[in-house]
């Protein structure tokens, strides 16, 4: 993830980084929607929040699951998934590398 000097966070797809940006792992949360498909209400709401497709673009990416640091009772949401497992998930990425001029 990158951020401008004003604190604007963004993530670029692998291989789209600038020479002055160091690739790094992105830590986040993975949610599973009850309603399936790209056109479900939750995805439409998130698209609106993230400005897809005009500001960020939603893309499927491969992510590696890490262990939770929560009490065992709250780990039931991620049932069936193992630490280190790679899964496919939607992620909002910065739309166009050309939008980054380097002049902050």
PDB file of N, CA and C in Angstrom:
ATOM      1  N   UNK A   1       0.857  -1.160   0.000  1.00  0.00           N
ATOM      2  CA  UNK A   1       0.000   0.000   0.000  1.00  0.00           C
ATOM      3  C   UNK A   1       0.903   1.223   0.000  1.00  0.00           C
ATOM      4  N   UNK A   2       0.451   2.246  -0.638  1.00  0.00           N
ATOM      5  CA  UNK A   2       1.173   3.506  -0.718  1.00  0.00           C
ATOM      6  C   UNK A   2       0.306   4.604  -0.131  1.00  0.00           C
ATOM      7  N   UNK A   3       0.903   5.728   0.179  1.00  0.00           N
ATOM      8  CA  UNK A   3       0.143   6.885   0.635  1.00  0.00           C
ATOM      9  C   UNK A   3       0.875   8.143   0.205  1.00  0.00           C
ATOM     10  N   UNK A   4       0.122   9.127  -0.186  1.00  0.00           N
ATOM     11  CA  UNK A   4       0.740  10.400  -0.540  1.00  0.00           C
ATOM     12  C   UNK A   4       1.118  11.121   0.741  1.00  0.00           C
ATOM     13  N   UNK A   5       1.784  12.209   0.616  1.00  0.00           N
ATOM     14  CA  UNK A   5       2.177  12.989   1.801  1.00  0.00           C
ATOM     15  C   UNK A   5       0.964  13.523   2.552  1.00  0.00           C
ATOM     16  N   UNK A   6      -0.160  13.641   1.871  1.00  0.00           N
ATOM     17  CA  UNK A   6      -1.385  14.083   2.522  1.00  0.00           C
ATOM     18  C   UNK A   6      -2.100  12.924   3.206  1.00  0.00           C
ATOM     19  N   UNK A   7      -1.572  11.711   3.106  1.00  0.00           N
ATOM     20  CA  UNK A   7      -2.158  10.571   3.774  1.00  0.00           C
ATOM     21  C   UNK A   7      -3.206   9.843   2.957  1.00  0.00           C
ATOM     22  N   UNK A   8      -3.231  10.014   1.665  1.00  0.00           N
ATOM     23  CA  UNK A   8      -4.197   9.351   0.800  1.00  0.00           C
ATOM     24  C   UNK A   8      -3.705   7.928   0.507  1.00  0.00           C
ATOM     25  N   UNK A   9      -4.364   6.901   1.065  1.00  0.00           N
ATOM     26  CA  UNK A   9      -3.881   5.534   0.850  1.00  0.00           C
ATOM     27  C   UNK A   9      -4.374   4.951  -0.467  1.00  0.00           C
ATOM     28  N   UNK A  10      -3.553   4.132  -1.083  1.00  0.00           N
ATOM     29  CA  UNK A  10      -3.960   3.424  -2.287  1.00  0.00           C
ATOM     30  C   UNK A  10      -3.101   2.182  -2.444  1.00  0.00           C
ATOM     31  N   UNK A  11      -3.619   1.231  -3.190  1.00  0.00           N
ATOM     32  CA  UNK A  11      -2.902  -0.003  -3.477  1.00  0.00           C
ATOM     33  C   UNK A  11      -2.858  -0.180  -4.985  1.00  0.00           C
ATOM     34  N   UNK A  12      -1.704  -0.554  -5.483  1.00  0.00           N
ATOM     35  CA  UNK A  12      -1.537  -0.829  -6.904  1.00  0.00           C
ATOM     36  C   UNK A  12      -1.461  -2.331  -7.110  1.00  0.00           C
ATOM     37  N   UNK A  13      -1.858  -2.775  -8.278  1.00  0.00           N
ATOM     38  CA  UNK A  13      -1.733  -4.189  -8.624  1.00  0.00           C
ATOM     39  C   UNK A  13      -0.254  -4.561  -8.699  1.00  0.00           C
ATOM     40  N   UNK A  14       0.079  -5.829  -8.455  1.00  0.00           N
ATOM     41  CA  UNK A  14       1.486  -6.251  -8.573  1.00  0.00           C
ATOM     42  C   UNK A  14       2.042  -5.885  -9.947  1.00  0.00           C
ATOM     43  N   UNK A  15       3.253  -5.368  -9.963  1.00  0.00           N
ATOM     44  CA  UNK A  15       3.897  -5.004 -11.216  1.00  0.00           C
ATOM     45  C   UNK A  15       3.557  -3.611 -11.702  1.00  0.00           C
ATOM     46  N   UNK A  16       2.679  -2.887 -11.007  1.00  0.00           N
ATOM     47  CA  UNK A  16       2.291  -1.542 -11.439  1.00  0.00           C
ATOM     48  C   UNK A  16       2.936  -0.449 -10.599  1.00  0.00           C
ATOM     49  N   UNK A  17       3.833  -0.802  -9.697  1.00  0.00           N
ATOM     50  CA  UNK A  17       4.426   0.192  -8.811  1.00  0.00           C
ATOM     51  C   UNK A  17       5.404   1.113  -9.507  1.00  0.00           C
ATOM     52  N   UNK A  18       5.638   2.254  -8.884  1.00  0.00           N
ATOM     53  CA  UNK A  18       6.625   3.202  -9.399  1.00  0.00           C
ATOM     54  C   UNK A  18       7.998   2.825  -8.879  1.00  0.00           C
ATOM     55  N   UNK A  19       9.026   3.350  -9.504  1.00  0.00           N
ATOM     56  CA  UNK A  19      10.399   3.050  -9.103  1.00  0.00           C
ATOM     57  C   UNK A  19      10.687   3.518  -7.675  1.00  0.00           C
ATOM     58  N   UNK A  20      10.009   4.582  -7.215  1.00  0.00           N
ATOM     59  CA  UNK A  20      10.264   5.109  -5.878  1.00  0.00           C
ATOM     60  C   UNK A  20       9.356   4.492  -4.814  1.00  0.00           C
ATOM     61  N   UNK A  21       8.600   3.441  -5.158  1.00  0.00           N
ATOM     62  CA  UNK A  21       7.723   2.755  -4.216  1.00  0.00           C
ATOM     63  C   UNK A  21       8.254   1.349  -3.964  1.00  0.00           C
ATOM     64  N   UNK A  22       8.280   0.960  -2.714  1.00  0.00           N
ATOM     65  CA  UNK A  22       8.750  -0.373  -2.345  1.00  0.00           C
ATOM     66  C   UNK A  22       7.557  -1.301  -2.180  1.00  0.00           C
ATOM     67  N   UNK A  23       7.527  -2.415  -2.913  1.00  0.00           N
ATOM     68  CA  UNK A  23       6.419  -3.367  -2.735  1.00  0.00           C
ATOM     69  C   UNK A  23       6.397  -3.895  -1.303  1.00  0.00           C
ATOM     70  N   UNK A  24       5.220  -4.091  -0.779  1.00  0.00           N
ATOM     71  CA  UNK A  24       5.070  -4.577   0.583  1.00  0.00           C
ATOM     72  C   UNK A  24       3.784  -5.383   0.702  1.00  0.00           C
ATOM     73  N   UNK A  25       3.690  -6.165   1.726  1.00  0.00           N
ATOM     74  CA  UNK A  25       2.460  -6.915   1.991  1.00  0.00           C
ATOM     75  C   UNK A  25       1.400  -5.945   2.500  1.00  0.00           C
ATOM     76  N   UNK A  26       0.169  -6.240   2.192  1.00  0.00           N
ATOM     77  CA  UNK A  26      -0.950  -5.429   2.654  1.00  0.00           C
ATOM     78  C   UNK A  26      -1.751  -6.268   3.636  1.00  0.00           C
ATOM     79  N   UNK A  27      -1.899  -5.769   4.845  1.00  0.00           N
ATOM     80  CA  UNK A  27      -2.708  -6.461   5.837  1.00  0.00           C
ATOM     81  C   UNK A  27      -4.110  -5.876   5.816  1.00  0.00           C
ATOM     82  N   UNK A  28      -5.099  -6.727   5.848  1.00  0.00           N
ATOM     83  CA  UNK A  28      -6.474  -6.256   5.819  1.00  0.00           C
ATOM     84  C   UNK A  28      -7.404  -7.324   6.345  1.00  0.00           C
ATOM     85  N   UNK A  29      -8.656  -7.120   6.106  1.00  0.00           N
ATOM     86  CA  UNK A  29      -9.666  -8.059   6.556  1.00  0.00           C
ATOM     87  C   UNK A  29     -10.371  -8.661   5.355  1.00  0.00           C
ATOM     88  N   UNK A  30     -10.738  -9.915   5.474  1.00  0.00           N
ATOM     89  CA  UNK A  30     -11.445 -10.628   4.415  1.00  0.00           C
ATOM     90  C   UNK A  30     -12.850 -10.926   4.920  1.00  0.00           C
ATOM     91  N   UNK A  31     -13.834 -10.549   4.136  1.00  0.00           N
ATOM     92  CA  UNK A  31     -15.226 -10.792   4.487  1.00  0.00           C
ATOM     93  C   UNK A  31     -15.864 -11.678   3.435  1.00  0.00           C
ATOM     94  N   UNK A  32     -16.760 -12.523   3.879  1.00  0.00           N
ATOM     95  CA  UNK A  32     -17.525 -13.352   2.959  1.00  0.00           C
ATOM     96  C   UNK A  32     -18.964 -12.869   2.995  1.00  0.00           C
ATOM     97  N   UNK A  33     -19.459 -12.417   1.859  1.00  0.00           N
ATOM     98  CA  UNK A  33     -20.831 -11.918   1.776  1.00  0.00           C
ATOM     99  C   UNK A  33     -21.800 -13.091   1.766  1.00  0.00           C
ATOM    100  N   UNK A  34     -22.939 -12.915   2.408  1.00  0.00           N
ATOM    101  CA  UNK A  34     -23.972 -13.939   2.417  1.00  0.00           C
ATOM    102  C   UNK A  34     -24.555 -14.075   1.019  1.00  0.00           C
ATOM    103  N   UNK A  35     -24.829 -12.953   0.388  1.00  0.00           N
ATOM    104  CA  UNK A  35     -25.368 -12.936  -0.967  1.00  0.00           C
ATOM    105  C   UNK A  35     -24.188 -13.061  -1.938  1.00  0.00           C
ATOM    106  N   UNK A  36     -24.277 -13.950  -2.887  1.00  0.00           N
ATOM    107  CA  UNK A  36     -23.179 -14.211  -3.817  1.00  0.00           C
ATOM    108  C   UNK A  36     -23.312 -13.379  -5.089  1.00  0.00           C
ATOM    109  N   UNK A  37     -22.198 -13.188  -5.775  1.00  0.00           N
ATOM    110  CA  UNK A  37     -22.200 -12.549  -7.082  1.00  0.00           C
ATOM    111  C   UNK A  37     -21.775 -11.097  -7.057  1.00  0.00           C
ATOM    112  N   UNK A  38     -21.339 -10.629  -8.230  1.00  0.00           N
ATOM    113  CA  UNK A  38     -20.861  -9.253  -8.371  1.00  0.00           C
ATOM    114  C   UNK A  38     -21.964  -8.224  -8.192  1.00  0.00           C
ATOM    115  N   UNK A  39     -23.198  -8.614  -8.421  1.00  0.00           N
ATOM    116  CA  UNK A  39     -24.291  -7.653  -8.383  1.00  0.00           C
ATOM    117  C   UNK A  39     -25.054  -7.672  -7.054  1.00  0.00           C
ATOM    118  N   UNK A  40     -24.482  -8.284  -6.016  1.00  0.00           N
ATOM    119  CA  UNK A  40     -25.183  -8.314  -4.732  1.00  0.00           C
ATOM    120  C   UNK A  40     -25.158  -6.915  -4.105  1.00  0.00           C
ATOM    121  N   UNK A  41     -26.058  -6.682  -3.168  1.00  0.00           N
ATOM    122  CA  UNK A  41     -26.216  -5.360  -2.553  1.00  0.00           C
ATOM    123  C   UNK A  41     -24.928  -4.891  -1.879  1.00  0.00           C
ATOM    124  N   UNK A  42     -24.237  -5.786  -1.177  1.00  0.00           N
ATOM    125  CA  UNK A  42     -23.007  -5.396  -0.478  1.00  0.00           C
ATOM    126  C   UNK A  42     -21.936  -4.933  -1.463  1.00  0.00           C
ATOM    127  N   UNK A  43     -21.753  -5.663  -2.560  1.00  0.00           N
ATOM    128  CA  UNK A  43     -20.744  -5.280  -3.559  1.00  0.00           C
ATOM    129  C   UNK A  43     -21.118  -3.940  -4.183  1.00  0.00           C
ATOM    130  N   UNK A  44     -22.376  -3.736  -4.477  1.00  0.00           N
ATOM    131  CA  UNK A  44     -22.804  -2.442  -5.042  1.00  0.00           C
ATOM    132  C   UNK A  44     -22.523  -1.305  -4.062  1.00  0.00           C
ATOM    133  N   UNK A  45     -22.766  -1.532  -2.767  1.00  0.00           N
ATOM    134  CA  UNK A  45     -22.490  -0.491  -1.762  1.00  0.00           C
ATOM    135  C   UNK A  45     -20.989  -0.219  -1.670  1.00  0.00           C
ATOM    136  N   UNK A  46     -20.186  -1.270  -1.654  1.00  0.00           N
ATOM    137  CA  UNK A  46     -18.730  -1.085  -1.591  1.00  0.00           C
ATOM    138  C   UNK A  46     -18.202  -0.406  -2.845  1.00  0.00           C
ATOM    139  N   UNK A  47     -18.745  -0.776  -4.005  1.00  0.00           N
ATOM    140  CA  UNK A  47     -18.351  -0.113  -5.250  1.00  0.00           C
ATOM    141  C   UNK A  47     -18.604   1.387  -5.154  1.00  0.00           C
ATOM    142  N   UNK A  48     -19.753   1.766  -4.609  1.00  0.00           N
ATOM    143  CA  UNK A  48     -20.067   3.188  -4.450  1.00  0.00           C
ATOM    144  C   UNK A  48     -19.114   3.868  -3.491  1.00  0.00           C
ATOM    145  N   UNK A  49     -18.820   3.213  -2.375  1.00  0.00           N
ATOM    146  CA  UNK A  49     -17.898   3.772  -1.377  1.00  0.00           C
ATOM    147  C   UNK A  49     -16.501   3.960  -1.955  1.00  0.00           C
ATOM    148  N   UNK A  50     -16.036   2.992  -2.710  1.00  0.00           N
ATOM    149  CA  UNK A  50     -14.675   3.025  -3.258  1.00  0.00           C
ATOM    150  C   UNK A  50     -14.580   3.727  -4.610  1.00  0.00           C
ATOM    151  N   UNK A  51     -15.710   4.147  -5.178  1.00  0.00           N
ATOM    152  CA  UNK A  51     -15.686   4.862  -6.443  1.00  0.00           C
ATOM    153  C   UNK A  51     -15.375   3.976  -7.633  1.00  0.00           C
ATOM    154  N   UNK A  52     -15.719   2.702  -7.551  1.00  0.00           N
ATOM    155  CA  UNK A  52     -15.505   1.778  -8.680  1.00  0.00           C
ATOM    156  C   UNK A  52     -16.531   2.063  -9.756  1.00  0.00           C
ATOM    157  N   UNK A  53     -16.162   2.185 -10.999  1.00  0.00           N
ATOM    158  CA  UNK A  53     -14.830   1.968 -11.577  1.00  0.00           C
ATOM    159  C   UNK A  53     -14.065   3.258 -11.857  1.00  0.00           C
ATOM    160  N   UNK A  54     -14.572   4.400 -11.407  1.00  0.00           N
ATOM    161  CA  UNK A  54     -13.958   5.685 -11.779  1.00  0.00           C
ATOM    162  C   UNK A  54     -12.759   6.078 -10.925  1.00  0.00           C
ATOM    163  N   UNK A  55     -12.707   5.678  -9.672  1.00  0.00           N
ATOM    164  CA  UNK A  55     -11.582   6.060  -8.819  1.00  0.00           C
ATOM    165  C   UNK A  55     -10.705   4.850  -8.531  1.00  0.00           C
ATOM    166  N   UNK A  56     -11.307   3.833  -7.934  1.00  0.00           N
ATOM    167  CA  UNK A  56     -10.625   2.555  -7.754  1.00  0.00           C
ATOM    168  C   UNK A  56     -11.266   1.547  -8.684  1.00  0.00           C
ATOM    169  N   UNK A  57     -10.541   0.476  -8.981  1.00  0.00           N
ATOM    170  CA  UNK A  57     -11.128  -0.601  -9.775  1.00  0.00           C
ATOM    171  C   UNK A  57     -11.145  -1.869  -8.912  1.00  0.00           C
ATOM    172  N   UNK A  58     -12.230  -2.589  -8.988  1.00  0.00           N
ATOM    173  CA  UNK A  58     -12.374  -3.835  -8.239  1.00  0.00           C
ATOM    174  C   UNK A  58     -11.841  -4.968  -9.103  1.00  0.00           C
ATOM    175  N   UNK A  59     -10.872  -5.717  -8.565  1.00  0.00           N
ATOM    176  CA  UNK A  59     -10.273  -6.830  -9.295  1.00  0.00           C
ATOM    177  C   UNK A  59     -10.155  -8.030  -8.384  1.00  0.00           C
ATOM    178  N   UNK A  60     -10.207  -9.209  -8.977  1.00  0.00           N
ATOM    179  CA  UNK A  60      -9.950 -10.423  -8.215  1.00  0.00           C
ATOM    180  C   UNK A  60      -8.441 -10.586  -8.078  1.00  0.00           C
ATOM    181  N   UNK A  61      -8.008 -10.875  -6.855  1.00  0.00           N
ATOM    182  CA  UNK A  61      -6.591 -11.077  -6.564  1.00  0.00           C
ATOM    183  C   UNK A  61      -6.441 -12.336  -5.725  1.00  0.00           C
ATOM    184  N   UNK A  62      -5.253 -12.885  -5.727  1.00  0.00           N
ATOM    185  CA  UNK A  62      -4.923 -14.025  -4.881  1.00  0.00           C
ATOM    186  C   UNK A  62      -4.369 -13.483  -3.571  1.00  0.00           C
ATOM    187  N   UNK A  63      -4.914 -13.943  -2.449  1.00  0.00           N
ATOM    188  CA  UNK A  63      -4.417 -13.487  -1.150  1.00  0.00           C
ATOM    189  C   UNK A  63      -4.068 -14.691  -0.288  1.00  0.00           C
ATOM    190  N   UNK A  64      -3.096 -14.495   0.591  1.00  0.00           N
ATOM    191  CA  UNK A  64      -2.705 -15.544   1.526  1.00  0.00           C
ATOM    192  C   UNK A  64      -3.282 -15.220   2.892  1.00  0.00           C
ATOM    193  N   UNK A  65      -3.963 -16.182   3.476  1.00  0.00           N
ATOM    194  CA  UNK A  65      -4.571 -15.992   4.783  1.00  0.00           C
ATOM    195  C   UNK A  65      -3.519 -16.104   5.876  1.00  0.00           C
ATOM    196  N   UNK A  66      -3.591 -15.209   6.841  1.00  0.00           N
ATOM    197  CA  UNK A  66      -2.703 -15.208   7.994  1.00  0.00           C
ATOM    198  C   UNK A  66      -3.517 -15.557   9.230  1.00  0.00           C
ATOM    199  N   UNK A  67      -2.861 -15.939  10.334  1.00  0.00           N
ATOM    200  CA  UNK A  67      -3.615 -16.284  11.538  1.00  0.00           C
ATOM    201  C   UNK A  67      -4.284 -15.061  12.141  1.00  0.00           C
ATOM    202  N   UNK A  68      -5.459 -15.286  12.717  1.00  0.00           N
ATOM    203  CA  UNK A  68      -6.151 -14.209  13.428  1.00  0.00           C
ATOM    204  C   UNK A  68      -5.526 -14.035  14.794  1.00  0.00           C
ATOM    205  N   UNK A  69      -5.611 -12.831  15.315  1.00  0.00           N
ATOM    206  CA  UNK A  69      -5.103 -12.560  16.664  1.00  0.00           C
ATOM    207  C   UNK A  69      -6.278 -12.283  17.587  1.00  0.00           C
ATOM    208  N   UNK A  70      -7.368 -13.009  17.394  1.00  0.00           N
ATOM    209  CA  UNK A  70      -8.582 -12.820  18.176  1.00  0.00           C
ATOM    210  C   UNK A  70      -8.822 -14.045  19.043  1.00  0.00           C
ATOM    211  N   UNK A  71      -9.664 -13.921  20.070  1.00  0.00           N
ATOM    212  CA  UNK A  71     -10.014 -15.086  20.883  1.00  0.00           C
ATOM    213  C   UNK A  71     -10.640 -16.177  20.010  1.00  0.00           C
ATOM    214  N   UNK A  72     -10.441 -17.424  20.403  1.00  0.00           N
ATOM    215  CA  UNK A  72     -10.922 -18.562  19.612  1.00  0.00           C
ATOM    216  C   UNK A  72     -12.418 -18.501  19.346  1.00  0.00           C
ATOM    217  N   UNK A  73     -13.199 -17.963  20.258  1.00  0.00           N
ATOM    218  CA  UNK A  73     -14.656 -17.915  20.092  1.00  0.00           C
ATOM    219  C   UNK A  73     -15.064 -17.060  18.903  1.00  0.00           C
ATOM    220  N   UNK A  74     -14.270 -16.064  18.535  1.00  0.00           N
ATOM    221  CA  UNK A  74     -14.634 -15.176  17.431  1.00  0.00           C
ATOM    222  C   UNK A  74     -14.080 -15.649  16.095  1.00  0.00           C
ATOM    223  N   UNK A  75     -13.363 -16.773  16.066  1.00  0.00           N
ATOM    224  CA  UNK A  75     -12.751 -17.248  14.837  1.00  0.00           C
ATOM    225  C   UNK A  75     -13.686 -18.103  14.005  1.00  0.00           C
ATOM    226  N   UNK A  76     -14.921 -18.256  14.408  1.00  0.00           N
ATOM    227  CA  UNK A  76     -15.851 -19.110  13.686  1.00  0.00           C
ATOM    228  C   UNK A  76     -16.220 -18.537  12.326  1.00  0.00           C
ATOM    229  N   UNK A  77     -16.122 -17.238  12.123  1.00  0.00           N
ATOM    230  CA  UNK A  77     -16.499 -16.629  10.853  1.00  0.00           C
ATOM    231  C   UNK A  77     -15.673 -17.168   9.694  1.00  0.00           C
ATOM    232  N   UNK A  78     -14.427 -17.493   9.913  1.00  0.00           N
ATOM    233  CA  UNK A  78     -13.557 -17.963   8.848  1.00  0.00           C
ATOM    234  C   UNK A  78     -13.449 -19.472   8.801  1.00  0.00           C
ATOM    235  N   UNK A  79     -14.494 -20.171   9.195  1.00  0.00           N
ATOM    236  CA  UNK A  79     -14.478 -21.627   9.255  1.00  0.00           C
ATOM    237  C   UNK A  79     -14.049 -22.225   7.919  1.00  0.00           C
ATOM    238  N   UNK A  80     -13.238 -23.297   8.000  1.00  0.00           N
ATOM    239  CA  UNK A  80     -12.852 -24.013   6.807  1.00  0.00           C
ATOM    240  C   UNK A  80     -11.649 -23.425   6.089  1.00  0.00           C
ATOM    241  N   UNK A  81     -11.134 -22.329   6.549  1.00  0.00           N
ATOM    242  CA  UNK A  81      -9.963 -21.716   5.909  1.00  0.00           C
ATOM    243  C   UNK A  81      -8.762 -21.888   6.817  1.00  0.00           C
ATOM    244  N   UNK A  82      -7.629 -22.205   6.217  1.00  0.00           N
ATOM    245  CA  UNK A  82      -6.417 -22.497   6.962  1.00  0.00           C
ATOM    246  C   UNK A  82      -5.383 -21.394   6.771  1.00  0.00           C
ATOM    247  N   UNK A  83      -4.589 -21.162   7.823  1.00  0.00           N
ATOM    248  CA  UNK A  83      -3.481 -20.223   7.713  1.00  0.00           C
ATOM    249  C   UNK A  83      -2.585 -20.644   6.555  1.00  0.00           C
ATOM    250  N   UNK A  84      -2.145 -19.685   5.753  1.00  0.00           N
ATOM    251  CA  UNK A  84      -1.283 -19.954   4.619  1.00  0.00           C
ATOM    252  C   UNK A  84      -2.033 -20.334   3.358  1.00  0.00           C
ATOM    253  N   UNK A  85      -3.332 -20.588   3.474  1.00  0.00           N
ATOM    254  CA  UNK A  85      -4.138 -20.921   2.305  1.00  0.00           C
ATOM    255  C   UNK A  85      -4.256 -19.699   1.406  1.00  0.00           C
ATOM    256  N   UNK A  86      -4.180 -19.907   0.105  1.00  0.00           N
ATOM    257  CA  UNK A  86      -4.333 -18.826  -0.861  1.00  0.00           C
ATOM    258  C   UNK A  86      -5.749 -18.907  -1.418  1.00  0.00           C
ATOM    259  N   UNK A  87      -6.452 -17.783  -1.356  1.00  0.00           N
ATOM    260  CA  UNK A  87      -7.825 -17.720  -1.849  1.00  0.00           C
ATOM    261  C   UNK A  87      -7.958 -16.546  -2.811  1.00  0.00           C
ATOM    262  N   UNK A  88      -8.986 -16.581  -3.618  1.00  0.00           N
ATOM    263  CA  UNK A  88      -9.280 -15.484  -4.535  1.00  0.00           C
ATOM    264  C   UNK A  88     -10.309 -14.563  -3.879  1.00  0.00           C
ATOM    265  N   UNK A  89     -10.075 -13.262  -3.963  1.00  0.00           N
ATOM    266  CA  UNK A  89     -10.985 -12.291  -3.349  1.00  0.00           C
ATOM    267  C   UNK A  89     -10.976 -11.004  -4.166  1.00  0.00           C
ATOM    268  N   UNK A  90     -12.038 -10.236  -4.024  1.00  0.00           N
ATOM    269  CA  UNK A  90     -12.095  -8.918  -4.667  1.00  0.00           C
ATOM    270  C   UNK A  90     -11.262  -7.942  -3.845  1.00  0.00           C
ATOM    271  N   UNK A  91     -10.571  -7.042  -4.531  1.00  0.00           N
ATOM    272  CA  UNK A  91      -9.794  -5.988  -3.880  1.00  0.00           C
ATOM    273  C   UNK A  91      -9.930  -4.723  -4.713  1.00  0.00           C
ATOM    274  N   UNK A  92      -9.979  -3.596  -4.045  1.00  0.00           N
ATOM    275  CA  UNK A  92     -10.055  -2.312  -4.745  1.00  0.00           C
ATOM    276  C   UNK A  92      -8.645  -1.772  -4.924  1.00  0.00           C
ATOM    277  N   UNK A  93      -8.255  -1.583  -6.180  1.00  0.00           N
ATOM    278  CA  UNK A  93      -6.916  -1.112  -6.531  1.00  0.00           C
ATOM    279  C   UNK A  93      -7.013   0.260  -7.172  1.00  0.00           C
ATOM    280  N   UNK A  94      -5.934   1.030  -7.040  1.00  0.00           N
ATOM    281  CA  UNK A  94      -5.910   2.342  -7.675  1.00  0.00           C
ATOM    282  C   UNK A  94      -6.132   2.152  -9.161  1.00  0.00           C
ATOM    283  N   UNK A  95      -6.956   2.982  -9.756  1.00  0.00           N
ATOM    284  CA  UNK A  95      -7.448   2.778 -11.124  1.00  0.00           C
ATOM    285  C   UNK A  95      -6.363   2.837 -12.180  1.00  0.00           C
ATOM    286  N   UNK A  96      -5.623   3.900 -12.242  1.00  0.00           N
ATOM    287  CA  UNK A  96      -4.655   4.088 -13.324  1.00  0.00           C
ATOM    288  C   UNK A  96      -3.323   4.585 -12.782  1.00  0.00           C
ATOM    289  N   UNK A  97      -2.268   3.897 -13.100  1.00  0.00           N
ATOM    290  CA  UNK A  97      -0.930   4.341 -12.702  1.00  0.00           C
ATOM    291  C   UNK A  97      -0.643   5.724 -13.261  1.00  0.00           C
ATOM    292  N   UNK A  98      -1.194   6.031 -14.422  1.00  0.00           N
ATOM    293  CA  UNK A  98      -0.934   7.337 -15.039  1.00  0.00           C
ATOM    294  C   UNK A  98      -1.551   8.480 -14.236  1.00  0.00           C
ATOM    295  N   UNK A  99      -2.490   8.168 -13.320  1.00  0.00           N
ATOM    296  CA  UNK A  99      -3.061   9.192 -12.450  1.00  0.00           C
ATOM    297  C   UNK A  99      -2.086   9.688 -11.398  1.00  0.00           C
ATOM    298  N   UNK A 100      -1.009   8.940 -11.182  1.00  0.00           N
ATOM    299  CA  UNK A 100       0.004   9.320 -10.197  1.00  0.00           C
ATOM    300  C   UNK A 100       1.112  10.092 -10.896  1.00  0.00           C
ATOM    301  N   UNK A 101       1.192  11.366 -10.659  1.00  0.00           N
ATOM    302  CA  UNK A 101       2.195  12.179 -11.341  1.00  0.00           C
ATOM    303  C   UNK A 101       3.482  12.278 -10.553  1.00  0.00           C
ATOM    304  N   UNK A 102       3.445  11.971  -9.260  1.00  0.00           N
ATOM    305  CA  UNK A 102       4.620  12.110  -8.407  1.00  0.00           C
ATOM    306  C   UNK A 102       4.737  13.495  -7.827  1.00  0.00           C
ATOM    307  N   UNK A 103       3.910  14.432  -8.260  1.00  0.00           N
ATOM    308  CA  UNK A 103       3.921  15.790  -7.721  1.00  0.00           C
ATOM    309  C   UNK A 103       2.806  15.902  -6.698  1.00  0.00           C
ATOM    310  N   UNK A 104       3.137  15.699  -5.435  1.00  0.00           N
ATOM    311  CA  UNK A 104       2.127  15.717  -4.391  1.00  0.00           C
ATOM    312  C   UNK A 104       1.924  17.120  -3.883  1.00  0.00           C
TER     313      UNK A 104
END
